[in-house]
Amino acid sequence: MQMQSSVIKIMRKKKWGDSFRFYEIILDGKNVGIIFASQSISVPVESGDHSLKINIDWGGSEEINFSIGSGEEITFECESSLSILKVLLIPYYLIFRPNNWVSLKQC
């Protein structure tokens, strides 16, 4: 019996913060690729439990733990958490909340 491959899809929204930078896709602690603004990436994974995180030089996202079944596809969305109102808070995010620089959520 052949197992169906599972896939996670990561979609990145275009937002003015970080729009010219790439994000690193970290799956189970390993860099599995990069993603640019308005891009989608599909990454094959084995069924089971995994963790996903997005990194940019100085910070990134919170880590998300998820389970995926055989042949299943799970979609995640990421974007900069930086808004025009938060521009003045950049030093705060860089020092105290580096894992909140990027928003990552399962769709």
PDB file of N, CA and C in Angstrom:
ATOM      1  N   MET A   1       0.843  -1.177   0.000  1.00  0.00           N
ATOM      2  CA  MET A   1       0.000   0.000   0.000  1.00  0.00           C
ATOM      3  C   MET A   1       0.894   1.248   0.000  1.00  0.00           C
ATOM      4  N   GLN A   2       0.669   2.125  -0.963  1.00  0.00           N
ATOM      5  CA  GLN A   2       1.497   3.318  -1.093  1.00  0.00           C
ATOM      6  C   GLN A   2       0.887   4.471  -0.300  1.00  0.00           C
ATOM      7  N   MET A   3       1.721   5.176   0.462  1.00  0.00           N
ATOM      8  CA  MET A   3       1.237   6.305   1.249  1.00  0.00           C
ATOM      9  C   MET A   3       1.180   7.537   0.362  1.00  0.00           C
ATOM     10  N   GLN A   4       0.120   8.311   0.508  1.00  0.00           N
ATOM     11  CA  GLN A   4       0.006   9.565  -0.227  1.00  0.00           C
ATOM     12  C   GLN A   4       0.872  10.612   0.458  1.00  0.00           C
ATOM     13  N   SER A   5       1.486  11.452  -0.353  1.00  0.00           N
ATOM     14  CA  SER A   5       2.321  12.487   0.248  1.00  0.00           C
ATOM     15  C   SER A   5       1.441  13.615   0.778  1.00  0.00           C
ATOM     16  N   SER A   6       1.889  14.223   1.849  1.00  0.00           N
ATOM     17  CA  SER A   6       1.205  15.353   2.472  1.00  0.00           C
ATOM     18  C   SER A   6       1.949  16.621   2.107  1.00  0.00           C
ATOM     19  N   VAL A   7       1.236  17.748   2.135  1.00  0.00           N
ATOM     20  CA  VAL A   7       1.833  19.014   1.710  1.00  0.00           C
ATOM     21  C   VAL A   7       1.370  20.127   2.632  1.00  0.00           C
ATOM     22  N   ILE A   8       2.304  21.026   2.960  1.00  0.00           N
ATOM     23  CA  ILE A   8       1.886  22.281   3.578  1.00  0.00           C
ATOM     24  C   ILE A   8       2.097  23.372   2.537  1.00  0.00           C
ATOM     25  N   LYS A   9       1.154  24.280   2.480  1.00  0.00           N
ATOM     26  CA  LYS A   9       1.235  25.403   1.559  1.00  0.00           C
ATOM     27  C   LYS A   9       1.362  26.663   2.400  1.00  0.00           C
ATOM     28  N   ILE A  10       2.345  27.491   2.081  1.00  0.00           N
ATOM     29  CA  ILE A  10       2.548  28.752   2.793  1.00  0.00           C
ATOM     30  C   ILE A  10       2.297  29.876   1.801  1.00  0.00           C
ATOM     31  N   MET A  11       1.389  30.768   2.143  1.00  0.00           N
ATOM     32  CA  MET A  11       1.070  31.918   1.302  1.00  0.00           C
ATOM     33  C   MET A  11       1.503  33.182   2.045  1.00  0.00           C
ATOM     34  N   ARG A  12       2.154  34.063   1.332  1.00  0.00           N
ATOM     35  CA  ARG A  12       2.598  35.308   1.949  1.00  0.00           C
ATOM     36  C   ARG A  12       1.857  36.485   1.317  1.00  0.00           C
ATOM     37  N   LYS A  13       1.173  37.226   2.159  1.00  0.00           N
ATOM     38  CA  LYS A  13       0.474  38.419   1.695  1.00  0.00           C
ATOM     39  C   LYS A  13       1.486  39.533   1.446  1.00  0.00           C
ATOM     40  N   LYS A  14       1.160  40.405   0.513  1.00  0.00           N
ATOM     41  CA  LYS A  14       2.012  41.566   0.275  1.00  0.00           C
ATOM     42  C   LYS A  14       1.566  42.678   1.209  1.00  0.00           C
ATOM     43  N   LYS A  15       2.472  43.129   2.021  1.00  0.00           N
ATOM     44  CA  LYS A  15       2.219  44.205   2.960  1.00  0.00           C
ATOM     45  C   LYS A  15       3.459  45.081   2.943  1.00  0.00           C
ATOM     46  N   TRP A  16       3.293  46.366   3.129  1.00  0.00           N
ATOM     47  CA  TRP A  16       4.425  47.280   2.968  1.00  0.00           C
ATOM     48  C   TRP A  16       5.598  46.961   3.874  1.00  0.00           C
ATOM     49  N   GLY A  17       5.358  46.488   5.078  1.00  0.00           N
ATOM     50  CA  GLY A  17       6.456  46.116   5.961  1.00  0.00           C
ATOM     51  C   GLY A  17       7.134  44.862   5.446  1.00  0.00           C
ATOM     52  N   ASP A  18       8.412  44.877   5.252  1.00  0.00           N
ATOM     53  CA  ASP A  18       9.213  43.729   4.796  1.00  0.00           C
ATOM     54  C   ASP A  18       8.924  43.317   3.354  1.00  0.00           C
ATOM     55  N   SER A  19       8.241  44.117   2.573  1.00  0.00           N
ATOM     56  CA  SER A  19       7.809  43.674   1.241  1.00  0.00           C
ATOM     57  C   SER A  19       8.968  43.368   0.290  1.00  0.00           C
ATOM     58  N   PHE A  20      10.134  43.925   0.533  1.00  0.00           N
ATOM     59  CA  PHE A  20      11.283  43.652  -0.341  1.00  0.00           C
ATOM     60  C   PHE A  20      12.240  42.634   0.262  1.00  0.00           C
ATOM     61  N   ARG A  21      11.853  42.036   1.382  1.00  0.00           N
ATOM     62  CA  ARG A  21      12.691  41.048   2.073  1.00  0.00           C
ATOM     63  C   ARG A  21      12.097  39.656   1.905  1.00  0.00           C
ATOM     64  N   PHE A  22      12.910  38.648   1.992  1.00  0.00           N
ATOM     65  CA  PHE A  22      12.373  37.287   1.982  1.00  0.00           C
ATOM     66  C   PHE A  22      12.260  36.770   3.409  1.00  0.00           C
ATOM     67  N   TYR A  23      11.366  35.833   3.595  1.00  0.00           N
ATOM     68  CA  TYR A  23      11.206  35.141   4.874  1.00  0.00           C
ATOM     69  C   TYR A  23      11.755  33.727   4.706  1.00  0.00           C
ATOM     70  N   GLU A  24      12.387  33.197   5.738  1.00  0.00           N
ATOM     71  CA  GLU A  24      12.834  31.808   5.754  1.00  0.00           C
ATOM     72  C   GLU A  24      11.716  30.941   6.327  1.00  0.00           C
ATOM     73  N   ILE A  25      11.474  29.801   5.707  1.00  0.00           N
ATOM     74  CA  ILE A  25      10.474  28.846   6.179  1.00  0.00           C
ATOM     75  C   ILE A  25      11.208  27.788   6.986  1.00  0.00           C
ATOM     76  N   ILE A  26      10.883  27.704   8.274  1.00  0.00           N
ATOM     77  CA  ILE A  26      11.545  26.762   9.179  1.00  0.00           C
ATOM     78  C   ILE A  26      10.550  25.676   9.565  1.00  0.00           C
ATOM     79  N   LEU A  27      10.779  24.472   9.079  1.00  0.00           N
ATOM     80  CA  LEU A  27       9.917  23.324   9.359  1.00  0.00           C
ATOM     81  C   LEU A  27      10.695  22.351  10.235  1.00  0.00           C
ATOM     82  N   ASP A  28      10.180  22.069  11.399  1.00  0.00           N
ATOM     83  CA  ASP A  28      10.824  21.151  12.340  1.00  0.00           C
ATOM     84  C   ASP A  28      12.271  21.556  12.628  1.00  0.00           C
ATOM     85  N   GLY A  29      12.503  22.865  12.726  1.00  0.00           N
ATOM     86  CA  GLY A  29      13.824  23.381  13.068  1.00  0.00           C
ATOM     87  C   GLY A  29      14.802  23.479  11.910  1.00  0.00           C
ATOM     88  N   LYS A  30      14.354  23.128  10.686  1.00  0.00           N
ATOM     89  CA  LYS A  30      15.238  23.161   9.529  1.00  0.00           C
ATOM     90  C   LYS A  30      14.706  24.142   8.490  1.00  0.00           C
ATOM     91  N   ASN A  31      15.617  24.886   7.867  1.00  0.00           N
ATOM     92  CA  ASN A  31      15.237  25.804   6.799  1.00  0.00           C
ATOM     93  C   ASN A  31      14.890  24.980   5.559  1.00  0.00           C
ATOM     94  N   VAL A  32      13.627  25.100   5.106  1.00  0.00           N
ATOM     95  CA  VAL A  32      13.187  24.331   3.939  1.00  0.00           C
ATOM     96  C   VAL A  32      12.915  25.212   2.722  1.00  0.00           C
ATOM     97  N   GLY A  33      13.183  26.513   2.846  1.00  0.00           N
ATOM     98  CA  GLY A  33      12.985  27.391   1.704  1.00  0.00           C
ATOM     99  C   GLY A  33      12.788  28.826   2.126  1.00  0.00           C
ATOM    100  N   ILE A  34      12.571  29.666   1.119  1.00  0.00           N
ATOM    101  CA  ILE A  34      12.298  31.077   1.361  1.00  0.00           C
ATOM    102  C   ILE A  34      11.044  31.470   0.600  1.00  0.00           C
ATOM    103  N   ILE A  35      10.423  32.556   1.055  1.00  0.00           N
ATOM    104  CA  ILE A  35       9.214  33.041   0.411  1.00  0.00           C
ATOM    105  C   ILE A  35       9.265  34.563   0.335  1.00  0.00           C
ATOM    106  N   PHE A  36       8.863  35.082  -0.825  1.00  0.00           N
ATOM    107  CA  PHE A  36       8.820  36.527  -1.054  1.00  0.00           C
ATOM    108  C   PHE A  36       7.375  37.007  -0.989  1.00  0.00           C
ATOM    109  N   ALA A  37       7.181  38.314  -0.948  1.00  0.00           N
ATOM    110  CA  ALA A  37       5.844  38.912  -0.894  1.00  0.00           C
ATOM    111  C   ALA A  37       5.002  38.443  -2.078  1.00  0.00           C
ATOM    112  N   SER A  38       3.735  38.164  -1.822  1.00  0.00           N
ATOM    113  CA  SER A  38       2.744  37.719  -2.815  1.00  0.00           C
ATOM    114  C   SER A  38       3.065  36.355  -3.421  1.00  0.00           C
ATOM    115  N   GLN A  39       3.874  35.562  -2.748  1.00  0.00           N
ATOM    116  CA  GLN A  39       4.262  34.256  -3.263  1.00  0.00           C
ATOM    117  C   GLN A  39       3.612  33.152  -2.430  1.00  0.00           C
ATOM    118  N   SER A  40       3.427  31.991  -3.049  1.00  0.00           N
ATOM    119  CA  SER A  40       2.972  30.781  -2.356  1.00  0.00           C
ATOM    120  C   SER A  40       4.003  29.691  -2.585  1.00  0.00           C
ATOM    121  N   ILE A  41       4.249  28.902  -1.561  1.00  0.00           N
ATOM    122  CA  ILE A  41       5.220  27.802  -1.626  1.00  0.00           C
ATOM    123  C   ILE A  41       4.535  26.546  -1.099  1.00  0.00           C
ATOM    124  N   SER A  42       4.739  25.424  -1.766  1.00  0.00           N
ATOM    125  CA  SER A  42       4.255  24.134  -1.278  1.00  0.00           C
ATOM    126  C   SER A  42       5.462  23.303  -0.862  1.00  0.00           C
ATOM    127  N   VAL A  43       5.371  22.696   0.315  1.00  0.00           N
ATOM    128  CA  VAL A  43       6.471  21.901   0.866  1.00  0.00           C
ATOM    129  C   VAL A  43       5.932  20.511   1.208  1.00  0.00           C
ATOM    130  N   PRO A  44       6.484  19.457   0.623  1.00  0.00           N
ATOM    131  CA  PRO A  44       6.046  18.106   0.989  1.00  0.00           C
ATOM    132  C   PRO A  44       6.520  17.756   2.398  1.00  0.00           C
ATOM    133  N   VAL A  45       5.652  17.088   3.147  1.00  0.00           N
ATOM    134  CA  VAL A  45       5.986  16.666   4.514  1.00  0.00           C
ATOM    135  C   VAL A  45       5.468  15.252   4.736  1.00  0.00           C
ATOM    136  N   GLU A  46       6.060  14.571   5.676  1.00  0.00           N
ATOM    137  CA  GLU A  46       5.548  13.270   6.086  1.00  0.00           C
ATOM    138  C   GLU A  46       4.362  13.493   7.008  1.00  0.00           C
ATOM    139  N   SER A  47       3.447  12.558   7.022  1.00  0.00           N
ATOM    140  CA  SER A  47       2.324  12.687   7.947  1.00  0.00           C
ATOM    141  C   SER A  47       2.849  12.606   9.378  1.00  0.00           C
ATOM    142  N   GLY A  48       2.146  13.281  10.287  1.00  0.00           N
ATOM    143  CA  GLY A  48       2.563  13.287  11.680  1.00  0.00           C
ATOM    144  C   GLY A  48       2.571  14.687  12.262  1.00  0.00           C
ATOM    145  N   ASP A  49       3.309  14.839  13.366  1.00  0.00           N
ATOM    146  CA  ASP A  49       3.381  16.111  14.075  1.00  0.00           C
ATOM    147  C   ASP A  49       4.582  16.914  13.594  1.00  0.00           C
ATOM    148  N   HIS A  50       4.363  18.219  13.431  1.00  0.00           N
ATOM    149  CA  HIS A  50       5.406  19.107  12.926  1.00  0.00           C
ATOM    150  C   HIS A  50       5.314  20.469  13.610  1.00  0.00           C
ATOM    151  N   SER A  51       6.355  21.282  13.396  1.00  0.00           N
ATOM    152  CA  SER A  51       6.336  22.676  13.841  1.00  0.00           C
ATOM    153  C   SER A  51       6.747  23.544  12.661  1.00  0.00           C
ATOM    154  N   LEU A  52       6.163  24.739  12.609  1.00  0.00           N
ATOM    155  CA  LEU A  52       6.435  25.672  11.526  1.00  0.00           C
ATOM    156  C   LEU A  52       6.697  27.048  12.110  1.00  0.00           C
ATOM    157  N   LYS A  53       7.683  27.714  11.569  1.00  0.00           N
ATOM    158  CA  LYS A  53       8.048  29.058  12.019  1.00  0.00           C
ATOM    159  C   LYS A  53       8.567  29.822  10.811  1.00  0.00           C
ATOM    160  N   ILE A  54       8.360  31.120  10.815  1.00  0.00           N
ATOM    161  CA  ILE A  54       8.890  31.988   9.773  1.00  0.00           C
ATOM    162  C   ILE A  54       9.951  32.887  10.406  1.00  0.00           C
ATOM    163  N   ASN A  55      11.103  33.014   9.746  1.00  0.00           N
ATOM    164  CA  ASN A  55      12.185  33.858  10.257  1.00  0.00           C
ATOM    165  C   ASN A  55      12.524  34.956   9.258  1.00  0.00           C
ATOM    166  N   ILE A  56      12.921  36.085   9.806  1.00  0.00           N
ATOM    167  CA  ILE A  56      13.567  37.159   9.066  1.00  0.00           C
ATOM    168  C   ILE A  56      14.765  37.525   9.940  1.00  0.00           C
ATOM    169  N   ASP A  57      15.763  38.146   9.408  1.00  0.00           N
ATOM    170  CA  ASP A  57      17.031  38.350  10.118  1.00  0.00           C
ATOM    171  C   ASP A  57      16.910  38.517  11.625  1.00  0.00           C
ATOM    172  N   TRP A  58      16.156  39.461  12.060  1.00  0.00           N
ATOM    173  CA  TRP A  58      16.145  39.848  13.477  1.00  0.00           C
ATOM    174  C   TRP A  58      14.994  39.256  14.269  1.00  0.00           C
ATOM    175  N   GLY A  59      14.113  38.553  13.642  1.00  0.00           N
ATOM    176  CA  GLY A  59      12.960  38.012  14.365  1.00  0.00           C
ATOM    177  C   GLY A  59      12.198  37.037  13.497  1.00  0.00           C
ATOM    178  N   GLY A  60      10.907  37.026  13.697  1.00  0.00           N
ATOM    179  CA  GLY A  60      10.085  36.111  12.917  1.00  0.00           C
ATOM    180  C   GLY A  60       8.709  35.972  13.523  1.00  0.00           C
ATOM    181  N   SER A  61       8.198  34.761  13.433  1.00  0.00           N
ATOM    182  CA  SER A  61       6.858  34.464  13.937  1.00  0.00           C
ATOM    183  C   SER A  61       6.946  33.570  15.170  1.00  0.00           C
ATOM    184  N   GLU A  62       5.824  33.426  15.813  1.00  0.00           N
ATOM    185  CA  GLU A  62       5.686  32.402  16.836  1.00  0.00           C
ATOM    186  C   GLU A  62       5.728  31.047  16.129  1.00  0.00           C
ATOM    187  N   GLU A  63       6.165  30.011  16.800  1.00  0.00           N
ATOM    188  CA  GLU A  63       6.172  28.668  16.238  1.00  0.00           C
ATOM    189  C   GLU A  63       4.775  28.070  16.348  1.00  0.00           C
ATOM    190  N   ILE A  64       4.311  27.433  15.278  1.00  0.00           N
ATOM    191  CA  ILE A  64       3.012  26.769  15.272  1.00  0.00           C
ATOM    192  C   ILE A  64       3.252  25.271  15.204  1.00  0.00           C
ATOM    193  N   ASN A  65       2.633  24.526  16.107  1.00  0.00           N
ATOM    194  CA  ASN A  65       2.675  23.069  16.072  1.00  0.00           C
ATOM    195  C   ASN A  65       1.400  22.583  15.399  1.00  0.00           C
ATOM    196  N   PHE A  66       1.537  21.569  14.536  1.00  0.00           N
ATOM    197  CA  PHE A  66       0.378  21.041  13.823  1.00  0.00           C
ATOM    198  C   PHE A  66       0.582  19.565  13.508  1.00  0.00           C
ATOM    199  N   SER A  67      -0.518  18.896  13.228  1.00  0.00           N
ATOM    200  CA  SER A  67      -0.491  17.501  12.793  1.00  0.00           C
ATOM    201  C   SER A  67      -1.095  17.434  11.400  1.00  0.00           C
ATOM    202  N   ILE A  68      -0.545  16.560  10.574  1.00  0.00           N
ATOM    203  CA  ILE A  68      -1.047  16.404   9.217  1.00  0.00           C
ATOM    204  C   ILE A  68      -1.175  14.919   8.908  1.00  0.00           C
ATOM    205  N   GLY A  69      -2.265  14.574   8.251  1.00  0.00           N
ATOM    206  CA  GLY A  69      -2.506  13.185   7.888  1.00  0.00           C
ATOM    207  C   GLY A  69      -1.973  12.869   6.504  1.00  0.00           C
ATOM    208  N   SER A  70      -1.935  11.608   6.161  1.00  0.00           N
ATOM    209  CA  SER A  70      -1.459  11.162   4.867  1.00  0.00           C
ATOM    210  C   SER A  70      -2.347  11.722   3.757  1.00  0.00           C
ATOM    211  N   GLY A  71      -1.730  12.338   2.752  1.00  0.00           N
ATOM    212  CA  GLY A  71      -2.466  12.891   1.625  1.00  0.00           C
ATOM    213  C   GLY A  71      -3.147  14.221   1.899  1.00  0.00           C
ATOM    214  N   GLU A  72      -2.960  14.760   3.083  1.00  0.00           N
ATOM    215  CA  GLU A  72      -3.618  16.009   3.480  1.00  0.00           C
ATOM    216  C   GLU A  72      -2.786  17.218   3.042  1.00  0.00           C
ATOM    217  N   GLU A  73      -3.479  18.351   2.810  1.00  0.00           N
ATOM    218  CA  GLU A  73      -2.807  19.616   2.544  1.00  0.00           C
ATOM    219  C   GLU A  73      -3.291  20.629   3.568  1.00  0.00           C
ATOM    220  N   ILE A  74      -2.358  21.298   4.215  1.00  0.00           N
ATOM    221  CA  ILE A  74      -2.686  22.341   5.194  1.00  0.00           C
ATOM    222  C   ILE A  74      -2.085  23.641   4.680  1.00  0.00           C
ATOM    223  N   THR A  75      -2.871  24.708   4.761  1.00  0.00           N
ATOM    224  CA  THR A  75      -2.428  26.010   4.281  1.00  0.00           C
ATOM    225  C   THR A  75      -2.160  26.943   5.451  1.00  0.00           C
ATOM    226  N   PHE A  76      -1.050  27.673   5.350  1.00  0.00           N
ATOM    227  CA  PHE A  76      -0.675  28.687   6.325  1.00  0.00           C
ATOM    228  C   PHE A  76      -0.535  30.014   5.592  1.00  0.00           C
ATOM    229  N   GLU A  77      -0.757  31.085   6.316  1.00  0.00           N
ATOM    230  CA  GLU A  77      -0.633  32.421   5.754  1.00  0.00           C
ATOM    231  C   GLU A  77       0.314  33.228   6.636  1.00  0.00           C
ATOM    232  N   CYS A  78       1.224  33.973   6.010  1.00  0.00           N
ATOM    233  CA  CYS A  78       2.130  34.819   6.779  1.00  0.00           C
ATOM    234  C   CYS A  78       2.166  36.213   6.179  1.00  0.00           C
ATOM    235  N   GLU A  79       2.473  37.174   7.027  1.00  0.00           N
ATOM    236  CA  GLU A  79       2.608  38.563   6.603  1.00  0.00           C
ATOM    237  C   GLU A  79       3.304  39.342   7.705  1.00  0.00           C
ATOM    238  N   SER A  80       3.805  40.487   7.353  1.00  0.00           N
ATOM    239  CA  SER A  80       4.430  41.352   8.342  1.00  0.00           C
ATOM    240  C   SER A  80       3.386  41.812   9.351  1.00  0.00           C
ATOM    241  N   SER A  81       3.745  41.825  10.602  1.00  0.00           N
ATOM    242  CA  SER A  81       2.847  42.350  11.641  1.00  0.00           C
ATOM    243  C   SER A  81       2.936  43.864  11.731  1.00  0.00           C
ATOM    244  N   LEU A  82       3.893  44.432  11.040  1.00  0.00           N
ATOM    245  CA  LEU A  82       4.136  45.865  11.107  1.00  0.00           C
ATOM    246  C   LEU A  82       3.042  46.630  10.368  1.00  0.00           C
ATOM    247  N   SER A  83       2.428  47.542  11.045  1.00  0.00           N
ATOM    248  CA  SER A  83       1.442  48.423  10.419  1.00  0.00           C
ATOM    249  C   SER A  83       1.947  49.854  10.556  1.00  0.00           C
ATOM    250  N   ILE A  84       1.316  50.737   9.860  1.00  0.00           N
ATOM    251  CA  ILE A  84       1.725  52.145   9.922  1.00  0.00           C
ATOM    252  C   ILE A  84       1.680  52.659  11.361  1.00  0.00           C
ATOM    253  N   LEU A  85       0.691  52.202  12.113  1.00  0.00           N
ATOM    254  CA  LEU A  85       0.567  52.642  13.511  1.00  0.00           C
ATOM    255  C   LEU A  85       1.689  52.099  14.396  1.00  0.00           C
ATOM    256  N   LYS A  86       2.286  50.979  14.006  1.00  0.00           N
ATOM    257  CA  LYS A  86       3.324  50.350  14.825  1.00  0.00           C
ATOM    258  C   LYS A  86       4.745  50.804  14.472  1.00  0.00           C
ATOM    259  N   VAL A  87       4.892  51.659  13.487  1.00  0.00           N
ATOM    260  CA  VAL A  87       6.227  52.082  13.059  1.00  0.00           C
ATOM    261  C   VAL A  87       7.040  52.630  14.223  1.00  0.00           C
ATOM    262  N   LEU A  88       6.410  53.382  15.085  1.00  0.00           N
ATOM    263  CA  LEU A  88       7.128  53.944  16.227  1.00  0.00           C
ATOM    264  C   LEU A  88       7.527  52.886  17.254  1.00  0.00           C
ATOM    265  N   LEU A  89       6.934  51.702  17.149  1.00  0.00           N
ATOM    266  CA  LEU A  89       7.232  50.625  18.093  1.00  0.00           C
ATOM    267  C   LEU A  89       8.287  49.643  17.577  1.00  0.00           C
ATOM    268  N   ILE A  90       8.902  49.932  16.444  1.00  0.00           N
ATOM    269  CA  ILE A  90       9.895  49.010  15.885  1.00  0.00           C
ATOM    270  C   ILE A  90      10.978  48.643  16.892  1.00  0.00           C
ATOM    271  N   PRO A  91      11.579  49.589  17.628  1.00  0.00           N
ATOM    272  CA  PRO A  91      12.598  49.193  18.617  1.00  0.00           C
ATOM    273  C   PRO A  91      12.037  48.233  19.677  1.00  0.00           C
ATOM    274  N   TYR A  92      10.794  48.448  20.100  1.00  0.00           N
ATOM    275  CA  TYR A  92      10.166  47.558  21.089  1.00  0.00           C
ATOM    276  C   TYR A  92      10.060  46.133  20.538  1.00  0.00           C
ATOM    277  N   TYR A  93       9.571  46.003  19.298  1.00  0.00           N
ATOM    278  CA  TYR A  93       9.439  44.669  18.694  1.00  0.00           C
ATOM    279  C   TYR A  93      10.799  44.012  18.486  1.00  0.00           C
ATOM    280  N   LEU A  94      11.784  44.784  18.074  1.00  0.00           N
ATOM    281  CA  LEU A  94      13.112  44.223  17.846  1.00  0.00           C
ATOM    282  C   LEU A  94      13.735  43.691  19.133  1.00  0.00           C
ATOM    283  N   ILE A  95      13.509  44.382  20.235  1.00  0.00           N
ATOM    284  CA  ILE A  95      14.143  44.003  21.501  1.00  0.00           C
ATOM    285  C   ILE A  95      13.290  43.023  22.314  1.00  0.00           C
ATOM    286  N   PHE A  96      12.010  43.309  22.458  1.00  0.00           N
ATOM    287  CA  PHE A  96      11.178  42.552  23.387  1.00  0.00           C
ATOM    288  C   PHE A  96      10.232  41.539  22.746  1.00  0.00           C
ATOM    289  N   ARG A  97       9.910  41.687  21.469  1.00  0.00           N
ATOM    290  CA  ARG A  97       8.943  40.790  20.841  1.00  0.00           C
ATOM    291  C   ARG A  97       9.388  40.370  19.441  1.00  0.00           C
ATOM    292  N   PRO A  98      10.604  39.868  19.299  1.00  0.00           N
ATOM    293  CA  PRO A  98      11.088  39.523  17.953  1.00  0.00           C
ATOM    294  C   PRO A  98      10.275  38.417  17.276  1.00  0.00           C
ATOM    295  N   ASN A  99       9.617  37.554  18.069  1.00  0.00           N
ATOM    296  CA  ASN A  99       8.810  36.482  17.488  1.00  0.00           C
ATOM    297  C   ASN A  99       7.395  36.929  17.163  1.00  0.00           C
ATOM    298  N   ASN A 100       7.154  38.227  17.211  1.00  0.00           N
ATOM    299  CA  ASN A 100       5.873  38.774  16.792  1.00  0.00           C
ATOM    300  C   ASN A 100       6.045  39.722  15.608  1.00  0.00           C
ATOM    301  N   TRP A 101       7.201  39.685  14.979  1.00  0.00           N
ATOM    302  CA  TRP A 101       7.455  40.542  13.826  1.00  0.00           C
ATOM    303  C   TRP A 101       6.637  40.076  12.620  1.00  0.00           C
ATOM    304  N   VAL A 102       6.472  38.760  12.491  1.00  0.00           N
ATOM    305  CA  VAL A 102       5.714  38.165  11.396  1.00  0.00           C
ATOM    306  C   VAL A 102       4.504  37.442  11.971  1.00  0.00           C
ATOM    307  N   SER A 103       3.367  37.647  11.336  1.00  0.00           N
ATOM    308  CA  SER A 103       2.141  36.941  11.709  1.00  0.00           C
ATOM    309  C   SER A 103       2.066  35.654  10.892  1.00  0.00           C
ATOM    310  N   LEU A 104       1.890  34.527  11.577  1.00  0.00           N
ATOM    311  CA  LEU A 104       1.748  33.225  10.920  1.00  0.00           C
ATOM    312  C   LEU A 104       0.515  32.556  11.480  1.00  0.00           C
ATOM    313  N   LYS A 105      -0.386  32.128  10.590  1.00  0.00           N
ATOM    314  CA  LYS A 105      -1.595  31.439  11.061  1.00  0.00           C
ATOM    315  C   LYS A 105      -1.991  30.358  10.089  1.00  0.00           C
ATOM    316  N   GLN A 106      -2.648  29.355  10.650  1.00  0.00           N
ATOM    317  CA  GLN A 106      -3.165  28.264   9.828  1.00  0.00           C
ATOM    318  C   GLN A 106      -4.526  28.680   9.299  1.00  0.00           C
ATOM    319  N   CYS A 107      -4.754  28.479   8.017  1.00  0.00           N
ATOM    320  CA  CYS A 107      -6.029  28.863   7.395  1.00  0.00           C
ATOM    321  C   CYS A 107      -7.049  27.735   7.511  1.00  0.00           C
TER     322      CYS A 107
END
